[in-house]
């Protein structure tokens, strides 16, 4: 996957799973319910890229790109991002380019005075 494919996926948000397959945008891979009862079906077309579909409509609702490994075994995205994004951006850089996120969650506290995770959604 490259920057132009990420842009295409962003443009295809809201489109049905079956349409994305027939248009050749995503592979014909079964959707999985990672967390029962969540109302979301997911697929990982490439390492570090996760697509989330609403369970009822099967429409593409979210695109997650993991840039940093937080837990052992987690896959990360290693290819190019579309401009103005870059793999070396900080959270402050993203907010300067796109403003405040529509949703955010700060790091989770772990034992031994450690923190992990957190995300911003636009």
N, C-alpha and C. Protein backbone atom coordinates (compact mmCIF):
# COMPACT_ATOMS: atom_id res chain seq x y z
N UNK A 1 0.86 -1.17 0.00
CA UNK A 1 0.00 0.00 0.00
C UNK A 1 0.90 1.23 0.00
N UNK A 2 0.47 2.26 -0.71
CA UNK A 2 1.26 3.47 -0.77
C UNK A 2 0.37 4.68 -0.47
N UNK A 3 0.94 5.87 -0.58
CA UNK A 3 0.22 7.10 -0.26
C UNK A 3 -1.04 7.27 -1.10
N UNK A 4 -0.96 6.96 -2.39
CA UNK A 4 -2.14 7.15 -3.24
C UNK A 4 -3.26 6.19 -2.87
N UNK A 5 -2.93 4.98 -2.40
CA UNK A 5 -3.95 4.05 -1.95
C UNK A 5 -4.62 4.53 -0.67
N UNK A 6 -3.85 5.13 0.21
CA UNK A 6 -4.44 5.69 1.44
C UNK A 6 -5.41 6.81 1.09
N UNK A 7 -5.03 7.68 0.17
CA UNK A 7 -5.92 8.75 -0.28
C UNK A 7 -7.19 8.15 -0.88
N UNK A 8 -7.06 7.11 -1.67
CA UNK A 8 -8.22 6.45 -2.27
C UNK A 8 -9.13 5.88 -1.18
N UNK A 9 -8.56 5.23 -0.18
CA UNK A 9 -9.38 4.69 0.91
C UNK A 9 -10.11 5.80 1.66
N UNK A 10 -9.45 6.91 1.87
CA UNK A 10 -10.11 8.04 2.53
C UNK A 10 -11.29 8.52 1.69
N UNK A 11 -11.10 8.59 0.39
CA UNK A 11 -12.18 9.02 -0.50
C UNK A 11 -13.33 8.01 -0.54
N UNK A 12 -13.04 6.76 -0.22
CA UNK A 12 -14.05 5.70 -0.27
C UNK A 12 -14.76 5.48 1.07
N UNK A 13 -14.43 6.28 2.07
CA UNK A 13 -15.15 6.16 3.35
C UNK A 13 -16.65 6.30 3.10
N UNK A 14 -17.44 5.42 3.71
CA UNK A 14 -18.88 5.42 3.53
C UNK A 14 -19.36 4.46 2.47
N UNK A 15 -18.45 3.88 1.69
CA UNK A 15 -18.82 2.94 0.62
C UNK A 15 -18.97 1.53 1.19
N UNK A 16 -19.88 0.73 0.61
CA UNK A 16 -20.09 -0.64 1.08
C UNK A 16 -18.90 -1.56 0.77
N UNK A 17 -18.69 -2.51 1.64
CA UNK A 17 -17.63 -3.50 1.52
C UNK A 17 -17.65 -4.18 0.16
N UNK A 18 -18.81 -4.63 -0.27
CA UNK A 18 -18.93 -5.35 -1.54
C UNK A 18 -18.53 -4.46 -2.73
N UNK A 19 -18.88 -3.18 -2.68
CA UNK A 19 -18.50 -2.24 -3.74
C UNK A 19 -16.99 -2.05 -3.79
N UNK A 20 -16.37 -1.95 -2.62
CA UNK A 20 -14.92 -1.78 -2.57
C UNK A 20 -14.19 -2.98 -3.17
N UNK A 21 -14.75 -4.17 -2.95
CA UNK A 21 -14.16 -5.37 -3.55
C UNK A 21 -14.35 -5.35 -5.06
N UNK A 22 -15.58 -5.08 -5.51
CA UNK A 22 -15.85 -5.11 -6.96
C UNK A 22 -15.07 -4.03 -7.71
N UNK A 23 -14.76 -2.92 -7.04
CA UNK A 23 -13.97 -1.85 -7.65
C UNK A 23 -12.47 -2.12 -7.58
N UNK A 24 -12.08 -3.21 -6.89
CA UNK A 24 -10.68 -3.55 -6.78
C UNK A 24 -9.91 -2.71 -5.77
N UNK A 25 -10.63 -2.04 -4.88
CA UNK A 25 -9.99 -1.17 -3.89
C UNK A 25 -9.40 -1.99 -2.74
N UNK A 26 -10.12 -3.04 -2.33
CA UNK A 26 -9.65 -3.90 -1.25
C UNK A 26 -9.70 -5.35 -1.71
N UNK A 27 -8.90 -6.21 -1.07
CA UNK A 27 -8.94 -7.63 -1.43
C UNK A 27 -10.23 -8.28 -0.91
N UNK A 28 -10.61 -9.37 -1.53
CA UNK A 28 -11.80 -10.11 -1.11
C UNK A 28 -11.43 -10.98 0.09
N UNK A 29 -11.27 -10.33 1.22
CA UNK A 29 -10.91 -10.96 2.49
C UNK A 29 -12.10 -10.86 3.43
N UNK A 30 -12.46 -11.94 4.10
CA UNK A 30 -13.61 -11.87 5.00
C UNK A 30 -13.41 -10.84 6.12
N UNK A 31 -14.49 -10.19 6.48
CA UNK A 31 -14.47 -9.27 7.61
C UNK A 31 -14.53 -10.08 8.89
N UNK A 32 -13.90 -9.56 9.95
CA UNK A 32 -13.89 -10.24 11.24
C UNK A 32 -14.42 -9.31 12.32
N UNK A 33 -15.08 -9.90 13.28
CA UNK A 33 -15.53 -9.15 14.45
C UNK A 33 -14.49 -9.38 15.55
N UNK A 34 -13.55 -8.43 15.69
CA UNK A 34 -12.49 -8.59 16.67
C UNK A 34 -13.01 -8.59 18.10
N UNK A 35 -14.03 -7.76 18.36
CA UNK A 35 -14.60 -7.66 19.70
C UNK A 35 -16.11 -7.85 19.58
N UNK A 36 -16.61 -8.95 20.13
CA UNK A 36 -18.02 -9.30 20.02
C UNK A 36 -18.91 -8.21 20.60
N UNK A 37 -19.96 -7.88 19.85
CA UNK A 37 -20.93 -6.91 20.30
C UNK A 37 -20.55 -5.47 20.07
N UNK A 38 -19.41 -5.21 19.46
CA UNK A 38 -18.94 -3.84 19.25
C UNK A 38 -19.68 -3.14 18.12
N UNK A 39 -20.25 -3.93 17.19
CA UNK A 39 -20.95 -3.33 16.06
C UNK A 39 -20.03 -2.97 14.91
N UNK A 40 -18.81 -3.49 14.94
CA UNK A 40 -17.83 -3.21 13.89
C UNK A 40 -17.25 -4.50 13.36
N UNK A 41 -16.98 -4.50 12.07
CA UNK A 41 -16.28 -5.60 11.41
C UNK A 41 -14.99 -5.02 10.86
N UNK A 42 -13.92 -5.77 10.96
CA UNK A 42 -12.61 -5.25 10.60
C UNK A 42 -11.89 -6.15 9.60
N UNK A 43 -10.96 -5.55 8.90
CA UNK A 43 -10.01 -6.30 8.08
C UNK A 43 -8.69 -5.54 8.09
N UNK A 44 -7.60 -6.28 7.92
CA UNK A 44 -6.26 -5.70 7.85
C UNK A 44 -5.68 -6.05 6.49
N UNK A 45 -5.87 -5.17 5.50
CA UNK A 45 -5.40 -5.49 4.15
C UNK A 45 -3.88 -5.49 4.02
N UNK A 46 -3.21 -4.85 4.96
CA UNK A 46 -1.75 -4.77 4.95
C UNK A 46 -1.27 -4.49 6.37
N UNK A 47 -0.04 -4.86 6.67
CA UNK A 47 0.50 -4.60 8.01
C UNK A 47 0.33 -3.13 8.38
N UNK A 48 -0.22 -2.90 9.56
CA UNK A 48 -0.35 -1.54 10.07
C UNK A 48 -1.54 -0.77 9.54
N UNK A 49 -2.36 -1.38 8.69
CA UNK A 49 -3.54 -0.72 8.14
C UNK A 49 -4.76 -1.57 8.49
N UNK A 50 -5.71 -0.96 9.17
CA UNK A 50 -6.94 -1.65 9.55
C UNK A 50 -8.13 -0.85 9.03
N UNK A 51 -9.06 -1.54 8.44
CA UNK A 51 -10.29 -0.92 7.95
C UNK A 51 -11.44 -1.38 8.84
N UNK A 52 -12.28 -0.43 9.25
CA UNK A 52 -13.42 -0.75 10.10
C UNK A 52 -14.72 -0.49 9.35
N UNK A 53 -15.59 -1.48 9.38
CA UNK A 53 -16.88 -1.41 8.70
C UNK A 53 -18.00 -1.52 9.72
N UNK A 54 -19.06 -0.72 9.54
CA UNK A 54 -20.23 -0.82 10.41
C UNK A 54 -20.85 -2.20 10.19
N UNK A 55 -21.17 -2.91 11.27
CA UNK A 55 -21.70 -4.27 11.15
C UNK A 55 -23.04 -4.30 10.43
N UNK A 56 -23.88 -3.31 10.66
CA UNK A 56 -25.22 -3.34 10.06
C UNK A 56 -25.21 -3.00 8.57
N UNK A 57 -24.48 -1.98 8.16
CA UNK A 57 -24.48 -1.55 6.76
C UNK A 57 -23.31 -2.11 5.96
N UNK A 58 -22.27 -2.59 6.66
CA UNK A 58 -21.03 -3.07 6.03
C UNK A 58 -20.35 -1.99 5.20
N UNK A 59 -20.54 -0.73 5.62
CA UNK A 59 -19.89 0.41 4.94
C UNK A 59 -18.59 0.75 5.66
N UNK A 60 -17.59 1.17 4.88
CA UNK A 60 -16.30 1.56 5.43
C UNK A 60 -16.47 2.83 6.27
N UNK A 61 -16.15 2.72 7.53
CA UNK A 61 -16.33 3.84 8.45
C UNK A 61 -15.01 4.39 9.00
N UNK A 62 -14.00 3.53 9.12
CA UNK A 62 -12.75 3.99 9.73
C UNK A 62 -11.55 3.41 9.00
N UNK A 63 -10.48 4.17 9.03
CA UNK A 63 -9.19 3.75 8.50
C UNK A 63 -8.17 4.02 9.60
N UNK A 64 -7.58 2.96 10.10
CA UNK A 64 -6.57 3.08 11.15
C UNK A 64 -5.21 2.77 10.54
N UNK A 65 -4.24 3.64 10.82
CA UNK A 65 -2.87 3.40 10.37
C UNK A 65 -1.99 3.43 11.61
N UNK A 66 -1.36 2.30 11.91
CA UNK A 66 -0.50 2.19 13.08
C UNK A 66 0.93 2.51 12.67
N UNK A 67 1.48 3.55 13.27
CA UNK A 67 2.81 4.03 12.91
C UNK A 67 3.89 3.62 13.90
N UNK A 68 3.50 3.24 15.11
CA UNK A 68 4.47 2.86 16.14
C UNK A 68 3.98 1.61 16.86
N UNK A 69 4.87 0.67 17.08
CA UNK A 69 4.53 -0.57 17.79
C UNK A 69 4.38 -0.24 19.27
N UNK A 70 3.22 -0.57 19.80
CA UNK A 70 2.94 -0.33 21.22
C UNK A 70 3.02 -1.62 22.01
N UNK A 71 2.57 -2.72 21.41
CA UNK A 71 2.60 -4.01 22.09
C UNK A 71 3.35 -5.01 21.21
N UNK A 72 3.92 -6.01 21.85
CA UNK A 72 4.69 -7.02 21.12
C UNK A 72 3.81 -7.71 20.08
N UNK A 73 4.34 -7.87 18.88
CA UNK A 73 3.62 -8.55 17.81
C UNK A 73 2.74 -7.64 16.98
N UNK A 74 2.56 -6.41 17.39
CA UNK A 74 1.73 -5.46 16.64
C UNK A 74 2.43 -5.08 15.34
N UNK A 75 1.66 -5.04 14.26
CA UNK A 75 2.24 -4.66 12.98
C UNK A 75 2.15 -3.15 12.79
N UNK A 76 3.11 -2.59 12.07
CA UNK A 76 3.13 -1.15 11.81
C UNK A 76 3.22 -0.90 10.31
N UNK A 77 2.71 0.24 9.90
CA UNK A 77 2.75 0.68 8.51
C UNK A 77 4.12 1.26 8.22
N UNK A 78 4.75 0.84 7.12
CA UNK A 78 6.12 1.27 6.81
C UNK A 78 6.24 2.05 5.51
N UNK A 79 5.18 2.18 4.74
CA UNK A 79 5.27 2.83 3.43
C UNK A 79 5.03 4.33 3.57
N UNK A 80 4.95 5.01 2.44
CA UNK A 80 4.73 6.46 2.41
C UNK A 80 3.31 6.83 2.84
N UNK A 81 3.19 7.99 3.43
CA UNK A 81 1.89 8.58 3.75
C UNK A 81 1.64 9.73 2.78
N UNK A 82 0.36 10.04 2.52
CA UNK A 82 0.08 11.17 1.63
C UNK A 82 0.45 12.50 2.30
N UNK A 83 0.90 13.45 1.50
CA UNK A 83 1.21 14.79 2.03
C UNK A 83 -0.06 15.43 2.56
N UNK A 84 -0.02 16.17 3.61
CA UNK A 84 1.15 16.67 4.33
C UNK A 84 1.60 15.75 5.45
N UNK A 85 1.14 14.50 5.47
CA UNK A 85 1.54 13.56 6.52
C UNK A 85 2.93 13.00 6.26
N UNK A 86 3.60 12.63 7.34
CA UNK A 86 4.92 12.00 7.25
C UNK A 86 5.07 11.05 8.42
N UNK A 87 5.84 9.99 8.25
CA UNK A 87 6.02 9.01 9.31
C UNK A 87 6.67 9.60 10.55
N UNK A 88 7.40 10.70 10.39
CA UNK A 88 8.12 11.28 11.52
C UNK A 88 7.35 12.41 12.20
N UNK A 89 6.08 12.59 11.90
CA UNK A 89 5.31 13.68 12.50
C UNK A 89 5.04 13.42 13.98
N UNK A 90 4.97 14.51 14.72
CA UNK A 90 4.55 14.42 16.11
C UNK A 90 3.06 14.73 16.18
N UNK A 91 2.48 14.47 17.32
CA UNK A 91 1.07 14.79 17.52
C UNK A 91 0.85 16.30 17.34
N UNK A 92 1.79 17.11 17.77
CA UNK A 92 1.69 18.56 17.60
C UNK A 92 1.70 18.95 16.12
N UNK A 93 2.53 18.26 15.32
CA UNK A 93 2.57 18.52 13.87
C UNK A 93 1.21 18.25 13.23
N UNK A 94 0.59 17.14 13.60
CA UNK A 94 -0.71 16.77 13.02
C UNK A 94 -1.76 17.81 13.42
N UNK A 95 -1.77 18.21 14.67
CA UNK A 95 -2.75 19.20 15.12
C UNK A 95 -2.52 20.55 14.44
N UNK A 96 -1.27 20.90 14.15
CA UNK A 96 -0.98 22.15 13.44
C UNK A 96 -1.52 22.10 12.02
N UNK A 97 -1.49 20.92 11.40
CA UNK A 97 -1.98 20.78 10.02
C UNK A 97 -3.50 20.62 9.93
N UNK A 98 -4.09 19.91 10.89
CA UNK A 98 -5.50 19.52 10.78
C UNK A 98 -6.39 20.07 11.88
N UNK A 99 -5.84 20.75 12.86
CA UNK A 99 -6.65 21.27 13.96
C UNK A 99 -6.85 20.21 15.03
N UNK A 100 -7.83 20.45 15.86
CA UNK A 100 -8.12 19.52 16.95
C UNK A 100 -8.88 18.31 16.42
N UNK A 101 -8.59 17.12 16.95
CA UNK A 101 -9.29 15.92 16.51
C UNK A 101 -10.76 15.93 16.94
N UNK A 102 -11.58 15.18 16.20
CA UNK A 102 -12.99 15.07 16.57
C UNK A 102 -13.16 14.15 17.78
N UNK A 103 -12.25 13.20 17.95
CA UNK A 103 -12.23 12.32 19.11
C UNK A 103 -10.78 12.09 19.50
N UNK A 104 -10.54 11.88 20.79
CA UNK A 104 -9.19 11.57 21.24
C UNK A 104 -9.24 10.77 22.51
N UNK A 105 -8.20 10.01 22.72
CA UNK A 105 -8.04 9.25 23.97
C UNK A 105 -6.57 9.30 24.33
N UNK A 106 -6.30 9.73 25.53
CA UNK A 106 -4.92 9.83 25.99
C UNK A 106 -4.35 8.46 26.34
N UNK A 107 -3.08 8.44 26.69
CA UNK A 107 -2.43 7.18 27.05
C UNK A 107 -3.10 6.51 28.24
N UNK A 108 -3.01 5.18 28.28
CA UNK A 108 -3.54 4.38 29.38
C UNK A 108 -2.43 4.14 30.38
N UNK A 109 -2.74 4.28 31.66
CA UNK A 109 -1.74 4.03 32.70
C UNK A 109 -1.57 2.53 32.90
N UNK A 110 -0.33 2.11 32.99
CA UNK A 110 0.03 0.72 33.21
C UNK A 110 0.77 0.59 34.53
N UNK A 111 0.90 -0.63 35.03
CA UNK A 111 1.71 -0.82 36.24
C UNK A 111 3.13 -0.32 36.05
N UNK A 112 3.81 -0.12 37.13
CA UNK A 112 5.20 0.34 37.16
C UNK A 112 5.34 1.75 36.60
N UNK A 113 4.29 2.55 36.77
CA UNK A 113 4.34 3.96 36.40
C UNK A 113 4.60 4.19 34.92
N UNK A 114 4.06 3.32 34.06
CA UNK A 114 4.22 3.44 32.61
C UNK A 114 2.90 3.82 31.97
N UNK A 115 2.98 4.39 30.78
CA UNK A 115 1.80 4.73 30.00
C UNK A 115 1.98 4.19 28.59
N UNK A 116 0.86 3.87 27.94
CA UNK A 116 0.93 3.37 26.58
C UNK A 116 -0.34 3.76 25.82
N UNK A 117 -0.21 3.79 24.51
CA UNK A 117 -1.38 3.98 23.66
C UNK A 117 -1.81 5.43 23.57
N UNK A 118 -3.07 5.59 23.25
CA UNK A 118 -3.66 6.88 22.99
C UNK A 118 -3.85 7.06 21.49
N UNK A 119 -4.81 7.87 21.11
CA UNK A 119 -5.07 8.10 19.69
C UNK A 119 -5.86 9.37 19.49
N UNK A 120 -5.80 9.89 18.27
CA UNK A 120 -6.61 11.02 17.84
C UNK A 120 -7.36 10.57 16.59
N UNK A 121 -8.61 10.98 16.47
CA UNK A 121 -9.41 10.64 15.29
C UNK A 121 -9.88 11.92 14.63
N UNK A 122 -9.77 11.96 13.29
CA UNK A 122 -10.18 13.12 12.51
C UNK A 122 -11.27 12.72 11.55
